[in-house]
Amino acid sequence: MGPVDPGRNDPGQYDLHFWLDYFQRTHCDAACLSAGGCVAYYPTKIPMHYRSQWMKDTDPFGDLVAGCRR
């Protein structure tokens, strides 16, 4: 299993292709992806659950989920 638990500023800096390649190279059958905690790493409309300010117009969690499903 490959865990990814980004820090608050990672959504604007992480390398999606590195992680997807890492999962493939290490033959991960599963991945534990963090969607956030006190801030969200996905576009949320939940009141008082704010998006990470480093995300800009991206969806890091959604991109990782989509990449893992391929």
PDB file of N, CA and C in Angstrom:
ATOM      1  N   MET A   1       0.841  -1.160   0.000  1.00  0.00           N
ATOM      2  CA  MET A   1       0.000   0.000   0.000  1.00  0.00           C
ATOM      3  C   MET A   1       0.891   1.229   0.000  1.00  0.00           C
ATOM      4  N   GLY A   2       0.483   2.241  -0.732  1.00  0.00           N
ATOM      5  CA  GLY A   2       1.231   3.489  -0.795  1.00  0.00           C
ATOM      6  C   GLY A   2       0.449   4.622  -0.148  1.00  0.00           C
ATOM      7  N   PRO A   3       0.934   5.135   0.996  1.00  0.00           N
ATOM      8  CA  PRO A   3       0.228   6.240   1.649  1.00  0.00           C
ATOM      9  C   PRO A   3       0.695   7.593   1.129  1.00  0.00           C
ATOM     10  N   VAL A   4      -0.223   8.515   0.941  1.00  0.00           N
ATOM     11  CA  VAL A   4       0.111   9.894   0.592  1.00  0.00           C
ATOM     12  C   VAL A   4      -0.672  10.786   1.542  1.00  0.00           C
ATOM     13  N   ASP A   5       0.057  11.494   2.393  1.00  0.00           N
ATOM     14  CA  ASP A   5      -0.553  12.394   3.364  1.00  0.00           C
ATOM     15  C   ASP A   5       0.128  13.750   3.224  1.00  0.00           C
ATOM     16  N   PRO A   6      -0.378  14.589   2.327  1.00  0.00           N
ATOM     17  CA  PRO A   6       0.295  15.863   2.047  1.00  0.00           C
ATOM     18  C   PRO A   6       0.218  16.843   3.212  1.00  0.00           C
ATOM     19  N   GLY A   7       1.208  17.713   3.282  1.00  0.00           N
ATOM     20  CA  GLY A   7       1.188  18.815   4.232  1.00  0.00           C
ATOM     21  C   GLY A   7       0.322  19.938   3.679  1.00  0.00           C
ATOM     22  N   ARG A   8       0.093  20.941   4.478  1.00  0.00           N
ATOM     23  CA  ARG A   8      -0.830  22.008   4.073  1.00  0.00           C
ATOM     24  C   ARG A   8      -0.433  22.694   2.772  1.00  0.00           C
ATOM     25  N   ASN A   9       0.869  22.854   2.516  1.00  0.00           N
ATOM     26  CA  ASN A   9       1.287  23.562   1.307  1.00  0.00           C
ATOM     27  C   ASN A   9       1.642  22.628   0.156  1.00  0.00           C
ATOM     28  N   ASP A  10       1.533  21.323   0.340  1.00  0.00           N
ATOM     29  CA  ASP A  10       1.878  20.374  -0.721  1.00  0.00           C
ATOM     30  C   ASP A  10       0.989  20.451  -1.967  1.00  0.00           C
ATOM     31  N   PRO A  11      -0.306  20.729  -1.848  1.00  0.00           N
ATOM     32  CA  PRO A  11      -1.133  20.710  -3.055  1.00  0.00           C
ATOM     33  C   PRO A  11      -0.621  21.596  -4.189  1.00  0.00           C
ATOM     34  N   GLY A  12       0.080  22.656  -3.890  1.00  0.00           N
ATOM     35  CA  GLY A  12       0.614  23.511  -4.942  1.00  0.00           C
ATOM     36  C   GLY A  12       2.004  23.124  -5.384  1.00  0.00           C
ATOM     37  N   GLN A  13       2.611  22.131  -4.712  1.00  0.00           N
ATOM     38  CA  GLN A  13       3.998  21.785  -4.997  1.00  0.00           C
ATOM     39  C   GLN A  13       4.232  20.327  -5.362  1.00  0.00           C
ATOM     40  N   TYR A  14       3.306  19.440  -5.015  1.00  0.00           N
ATOM     41  CA  TYR A  14       3.575  18.017  -5.209  1.00  0.00           C
ATOM     42  C   TYR A  14       3.612  17.668  -6.695  1.00  0.00           C
ATOM     43  N   ASP A  15       4.284  16.574  -6.998  1.00  0.00           N
ATOM     44  CA  ASP A  15       4.447  16.128  -8.378  1.00  0.00           C
ATOM     45  C   ASP A  15       3.562  14.896  -8.599  1.00  0.00           C
ATOM     46  N   LEU A  16       2.408  15.105  -9.206  1.00  0.00           N
ATOM     47  CA  LEU A  16       1.435  14.034  -9.453  1.00  0.00           C
ATOM     48  C   LEU A  16       2.089  12.857 -10.157  1.00  0.00           C
ATOM     49  N   HIS A  17       2.860  13.120 -11.194  1.00  0.00           N
ATOM     50  CA  HIS A  17       3.450  12.038 -11.981  1.00  0.00           C
ATOM     51  C   HIS A  17       4.486  11.248 -11.173  1.00  0.00           C
ATOM     52  N   PHE A  18       5.193  11.928 -10.246  1.00  0.00           N
ATOM     53  CA  PHE A  18       6.121  11.208  -9.373  1.00  0.00           C
ATOM     54  C   PHE A  18       5.366  10.165  -8.556  1.00  0.00           C
ATOM     55  N   TRP A  19       4.259  10.569  -7.930  1.00  0.00           N
ATOM     56  CA  TRP A  19       3.522   9.642  -7.063  1.00  0.00           C
ATOM     57  C   TRP A  19       2.893   8.505  -7.855  1.00  0.00           C
ATOM     58  N   LEU A  20       2.330   8.804  -9.008  1.00  0.00           N
ATOM     59  CA  LEU A  20       1.729   7.738  -9.813  1.00  0.00           C
ATOM     60  C   LEU A  20       2.800   6.759 -10.295  1.00  0.00           C
ATOM     61  N   ASP A  21       3.964   7.283 -10.675  1.00  0.00           N
ATOM     62  CA  ASP A  21       5.072   6.428 -11.083  1.00  0.00           C
ATOM     63  C   ASP A  21       5.577   5.610  -9.890  1.00  0.00           C
ATOM     64  N   TYR A  22       5.652   6.233  -8.725  1.00  0.00           N
ATOM     65  CA  TYR A  22       6.085   5.543  -7.513  1.00  0.00           C
ATOM     66  C   TYR A  22       5.176   4.359  -7.199  1.00  0.00           C
ATOM     67  N   PHE A  23       3.870   4.595  -7.252  1.00  0.00           N
ATOM     68  CA  PHE A  23       2.919   3.507  -6.992  1.00  0.00           C
ATOM     69  C   PHE A  23       3.114   2.364  -7.982  1.00  0.00           C
ATOM     70  N   GLN A  24       3.359   2.694  -9.228  1.00  0.00           N
ATOM     71  CA  GLN A  24       3.541   1.662 -10.248  1.00  0.00           C
ATOM     72  C   GLN A  24       4.862   0.916 -10.035  1.00  0.00           C
ATOM     73  N   ARG A  25       5.955   1.649  -9.781  1.00  0.00           N
ATOM     74  CA  ARG A  25       7.271   1.018  -9.592  1.00  0.00           C
ATOM     75  C   ARG A  25       7.313   0.107  -8.370  1.00  0.00           C
ATOM     76  N   THR A  26       6.560   0.463  -7.331  1.00  0.00           N
ATOM     77  CA  THR A  26       6.575  -0.341  -6.106  1.00  0.00           C
ATOM     78  C   THR A  26       5.447  -1.376  -6.088  1.00  0.00           C
ATOM     79  N   HIS A  27       4.736  -1.484  -7.207  1.00  0.00           N
ATOM     80  CA  HIS A  27       3.672  -2.482  -7.372  1.00  0.00           C
ATOM     81  C   HIS A  27       2.600  -2.382  -6.283  1.00  0.00           C
ATOM     82  N   CYS A  28       2.187  -1.153  -5.995  1.00  0.00           N
ATOM     83  CA  CYS A  28       1.143  -0.944  -4.982  1.00  0.00           C
ATOM     84  C   CYS A  28      -0.197  -1.477  -5.486  1.00  0.00           C
ATOM     85  N   ASP A  29      -0.838  -2.255  -4.660  1.00  0.00           N
ATOM     86  CA  ASP A  29      -2.175  -2.758  -4.974  1.00  0.00           C
ATOM     87  C   ASP A  29      -3.250  -1.836  -4.427  1.00  0.00           C
ATOM     88  N   ALA A  30      -2.837  -0.920  -3.543  1.00  0.00           N
ATOM     89  CA  ALA A  30      -3.785   0.013  -2.932  1.00  0.00           C
ATOM     90  C   ALA A  30      -3.034   1.285  -2.555  1.00  0.00           C
ATOM     91  N   ALA A  31      -3.782   2.357  -2.415  1.00  0.00           N
ATOM     92  CA  ALA A  31      -3.194   3.628  -1.989  1.00  0.00           C
ATOM     93  C   ALA A  31      -4.125   4.263  -0.963  1.00  0.00           C
ATOM     94  N   CYS A  32      -3.538   4.810   0.076  1.00  0.00           N
ATOM     95  CA  CYS A  32      -4.298   5.530   1.101  1.00  0.00           C
ATOM     96  C   CYS A  32      -4.031   7.017   0.877  1.00  0.00           C
ATOM     97  N   LEU A  33      -4.995   7.697   0.300  1.00  0.00           N
ATOM     98  CA  LEU A  33      -4.828   9.099  -0.076  1.00  0.00           C
ATOM     99  C   LEU A  33      -5.582  10.003   0.883  1.00  0.00           C
ATOM    100  N   SER A  34      -4.913  11.016   1.372  1.00  0.00           N
ATOM    101  CA  SER A  34      -5.556  11.969   2.276  1.00  0.00           C
ATOM    102  C   SER A  34      -6.269  13.045   1.463  1.00  0.00           C
ATOM    103  N   ALA A  35      -7.524  13.278   1.789  1.00  0.00           N
ATOM    104  CA  ALA A  35      -8.302  14.327   1.118  1.00  0.00           C
ATOM    105  C   ALA A  35      -8.232  15.635   1.898  1.00  0.00           C
ATOM    106  N   GLY A  36      -7.519  15.620   3.000  1.00  0.00           N
ATOM    107  CA  GLY A  36      -7.378  16.823   3.808  1.00  0.00           C
ATOM    108  C   GLY A  36      -7.638  16.533   5.265  1.00  0.00           C
ATOM    109  N   GLY A  37      -7.714  17.575   6.009  1.00  0.00           N
ATOM    110  CA  GLY A  37      -7.984  17.494   7.447  1.00  0.00           C
ATOM    111  C   GLY A  37      -8.665  18.792   7.824  1.00  0.00           C
ATOM    112  N   CYS A  38      -7.883  19.708   8.395  1.00  0.00           N
ATOM    113  CA  CYS A  38      -8.471  21.012   8.727  1.00  0.00           C
ATOM    114  C   CYS A  38      -8.683  21.846   7.474  1.00  0.00           C
ATOM    115  N   VAL A  39      -8.018  21.484   6.375  1.00  0.00           N
ATOM    116  CA  VAL A  39      -8.267  22.096   5.063  1.00  0.00           C
ATOM    117  C   VAL A  39      -8.492  20.973   4.060  1.00  0.00           C
ATOM    118  N   ALA A  40      -9.209  21.276   3.002  1.00  0.00           N
ATOM    119  CA  ALA A  40      -9.523  20.272   1.979  1.00  0.00           C
ATOM    120  C   ALA A  40      -8.516  20.338   0.835  1.00  0.00           C
ATOM    121  N   TYR A  41      -8.169  19.180   0.279  1.00  0.00           N
ATOM    122  CA  TYR A  41      -7.304  19.096  -0.898  1.00  0.00           C
ATOM    123  C   TYR A  41      -8.133  18.753  -2.133  1.00  0.00           C
ATOM    124  N   TYR A  42      -9.382  19.162  -2.126  1.00  0.00           N
ATOM    125  CA  TYR A  42     -10.306  18.951  -3.241  1.00  0.00           C
ATOM    126  C   TYR A  42     -11.275  20.129  -3.238  1.00  0.00           C
ATOM    127  N   PRO A  43     -11.949  20.392  -4.347  1.00  0.00           N
ATOM    128  CA  PRO A  43     -12.926  21.489  -4.381  1.00  0.00           C
ATOM    129  C   PRO A  43     -14.124  21.140  -3.491  1.00  0.00           C
ATOM    130  N   THR A  44     -14.270  21.805  -2.383  1.00  0.00           N
ATOM    131  CA  THR A  44     -15.342  21.498  -1.447  1.00  0.00           C
ATOM    132  C   THR A  44     -16.344  22.639  -1.352  1.00  0.00           C
ATOM    133  N   LYS A  45     -17.560  22.283  -1.101  1.00  0.00           N
ATOM    134  CA  LYS A  45     -18.611  23.268  -0.859  1.00  0.00           C
ATOM    135  C   LYS A  45     -19.144  23.125   0.566  1.00  0.00           C
ATOM    136  N   ILE A  46     -18.456  22.336   1.386  1.00  0.00           N
ATOM    137  CA  ILE A  46     -18.862  22.123   2.768  1.00  0.00           C
ATOM    138  C   ILE A  46     -18.573  23.406   3.552  1.00  0.00           C
ATOM    139  N   PRO A  47     -19.577  23.962   4.206  1.00  0.00           N
ATOM    140  CA  PRO A  47     -19.358  25.193   4.973  1.00  0.00           C
ATOM    141  C   PRO A  47     -18.259  25.015   6.027  1.00  0.00           C
ATOM    142  N   MET A  48     -17.389  26.003   6.128  1.00  0.00           N
ATOM    143  CA  MET A  48     -16.312  26.056   7.116  1.00  0.00           C
ATOM    144  C   MET A  48     -15.196  25.027   6.867  1.00  0.00           C
ATOM    145  N   HIS A  49     -15.257  24.261   5.789  1.00  0.00           N
ATOM    146  CA  HIS A  49     -14.151  23.375   5.413  1.00  0.00           C
ATOM    147  C   HIS A  49     -13.475  24.015   4.216  1.00  0.00           C
ATOM    148  N   TYR A  50     -12.423  24.740   4.507  1.00  0.00           N
ATOM    149  CA  TYR A  50     -11.787  25.564   3.490  1.00  0.00           C
ATOM    150  C   TYR A  50     -10.800  24.777   2.650  1.00  0.00           C
ATOM    151  N   ARG A  51     -10.702  25.178   1.390  1.00  0.00           N
ATOM    152  CA  ARG A  51      -9.717  24.597   0.485  1.00  0.00           C
ATOM    153  C   ARG A  51      -8.325  25.051   0.885  1.00  0.00           C
ATOM    154  N   SER A  52      -7.338  24.209   0.667  1.00  0.00           N
ATOM    155  CA  SER A  52      -5.948  24.615   0.878  1.00  0.00           C
ATOM    156  C   SER A  52      -5.664  25.823  -0.003  1.00  0.00           C
ATOM    157  N   GLN A  53      -5.082  26.842   0.567  1.00  0.00           N
ATOM    158  CA  GLN A  53      -4.837  28.065  -0.203  1.00  0.00           C
ATOM    159  C   GLN A  53      -3.805  27.866  -1.305  1.00  0.00           C
ATOM    160  N   TRP A  54      -3.034  26.783  -1.271  1.00  0.00           N
ATOM    161  CA  TRP A  54      -2.015  26.521  -2.283  1.00  0.00           C
ATOM    162  C   TRP A  54      -2.566  25.765  -3.493  1.00  0.00           C
ATOM    163  N   MET A  55      -3.828  25.332  -3.436  1.00  0.00           N
ATOM    164  CA  MET A  55      -4.403  24.543  -4.524  1.00  0.00           C
ATOM    165  C   MET A  55      -4.645  25.344  -5.789  1.00  0.00           C
ATOM    166  N   LYS A  56      -4.903  26.622  -5.652  1.00  0.00           N
ATOM    167  CA  LYS A  56      -5.308  27.462  -6.771  1.00  0.00           C
ATOM    168  C   LYS A  56      -6.563  26.853  -7.396  1.00  0.00           C
ATOM    169  N   ASP A  57      -6.567  26.578  -8.694  1.00  0.00           N
ATOM    170  CA  ASP A  57      -7.753  26.010  -9.361  1.00  0.00           C
ATOM    171  C   ASP A  57      -7.583  24.525  -9.645  1.00  0.00           C
ATOM    172  N   THR A  58      -6.806  23.836  -8.832  1.00  0.00           N
ATOM    173  CA  THR A  58      -6.544  22.416  -9.072  1.00  0.00           C
ATOM    174  C   THR A  58      -7.358  21.541  -8.133  1.00  0.00           C
ATOM    175  N   ASP A  59      -7.315  20.259  -8.369  1.00  0.00           N
ATOM    176  CA  ASP A  59      -7.982  19.259  -7.529  1.00  0.00           C
ATOM    177  C   ASP A  59      -6.982  18.133  -7.269  1.00  0.00           C
ATOM    178  N   PRO A  60      -6.000  18.346  -6.379  1.00  0.00           N
ATOM    179  CA  PRO A  60      -4.958  17.343  -6.163  1.00  0.00           C
ATOM    180  C   PRO A  60      -5.491  15.971  -5.758  1.00  0.00           C
ATOM    181  N   PHE A  61      -6.469  15.938  -4.873  1.00  0.00           N
ATOM    182  CA  PHE A  61      -7.029  14.656  -4.447  1.00  0.00           C
ATOM    183  C   PHE A  61      -7.713  13.955  -5.621  1.00  0.00           C
ATOM    184  N   GLY A  62      -8.524  14.672  -6.357  1.00  0.00           N
ATOM    185  CA  GLY A  62      -9.213  14.096  -7.511  1.00  0.00           C
ATOM    186  C   GLY A  62      -8.243  13.610  -8.575  1.00  0.00           C
ATOM    187  N   ASP A  63      -7.154  14.361  -8.786  1.00  0.00           N
ATOM    188  CA  ASP A  63      -6.149  13.953  -9.772  1.00  0.00           C
ATOM    189  C   ASP A  63      -5.463  12.652  -9.344  1.00  0.00           C
ATOM    190  N   LEU A  64      -5.146  12.527  -8.050  1.00  0.00           N
ATOM    191  CA  LEU A  64      -4.525  11.288  -7.560  1.00  0.00           C
ATOM    192  C   LEU A  64      -5.485  10.101  -7.683  1.00  0.00           C
ATOM    193  N   VAL A  65      -6.745  10.314  -7.320  1.00  0.00           N
ATOM    194  CA  VAL A  65      -7.741   9.243  -7.417  1.00  0.00           C
ATOM    195  C   VAL A  65      -7.877   8.790  -8.874  1.00  0.00           C
ATOM    196  N   ALA A  66      -8.013   9.744  -9.785  1.00  0.00           N
ATOM    197  CA  ALA A  66      -8.164   9.407 -11.209  1.00  0.00           C
ATOM    198  C   ALA A  66      -6.928   8.668 -11.719  1.00  0.00           C
ATOM    199  N   GLY A  67      -5.730   9.143 -11.326  1.00  0.00           N
ATOM    200  CA  GLY A  67      -4.506   8.490 -11.766  1.00  0.00           C
ATOM    201  C   GLY A  67      -4.372   7.083 -11.223  1.00  0.00           C
ATOM    202  N   CYS A  68      -4.777   6.867  -9.991  1.00  0.00           N
ATOM    203  CA  CYS A  68      -4.688   5.524  -9.392  1.00  0.00           C
ATOM    204  C   CYS A  68      -5.664   4.552 -10.043  1.00  0.00           C
ATOM    205  N   ARG A  69      -6.769   5.073 -10.523  1.00  0.00           N
ATOM    206  CA  ARG A  69      -7.770   4.184 -11.145  1.00  0.00           C
ATOM    207  C   ARG A  69      -7.378   3.751 -12.541  1.00  0.00           C
ATOM    208  N   ARG A  70      -6.419   4.427 -13.154  1.00  0.00           N
ATOM    209  CA  ARG A  70      -5.981   4.041 -14.502  1.00  0.00           C
ATOM    210  C   ARG A  70      -5.086   2.850 -14.482  1.00  0.00           C
TER     211      ARG A  70
END
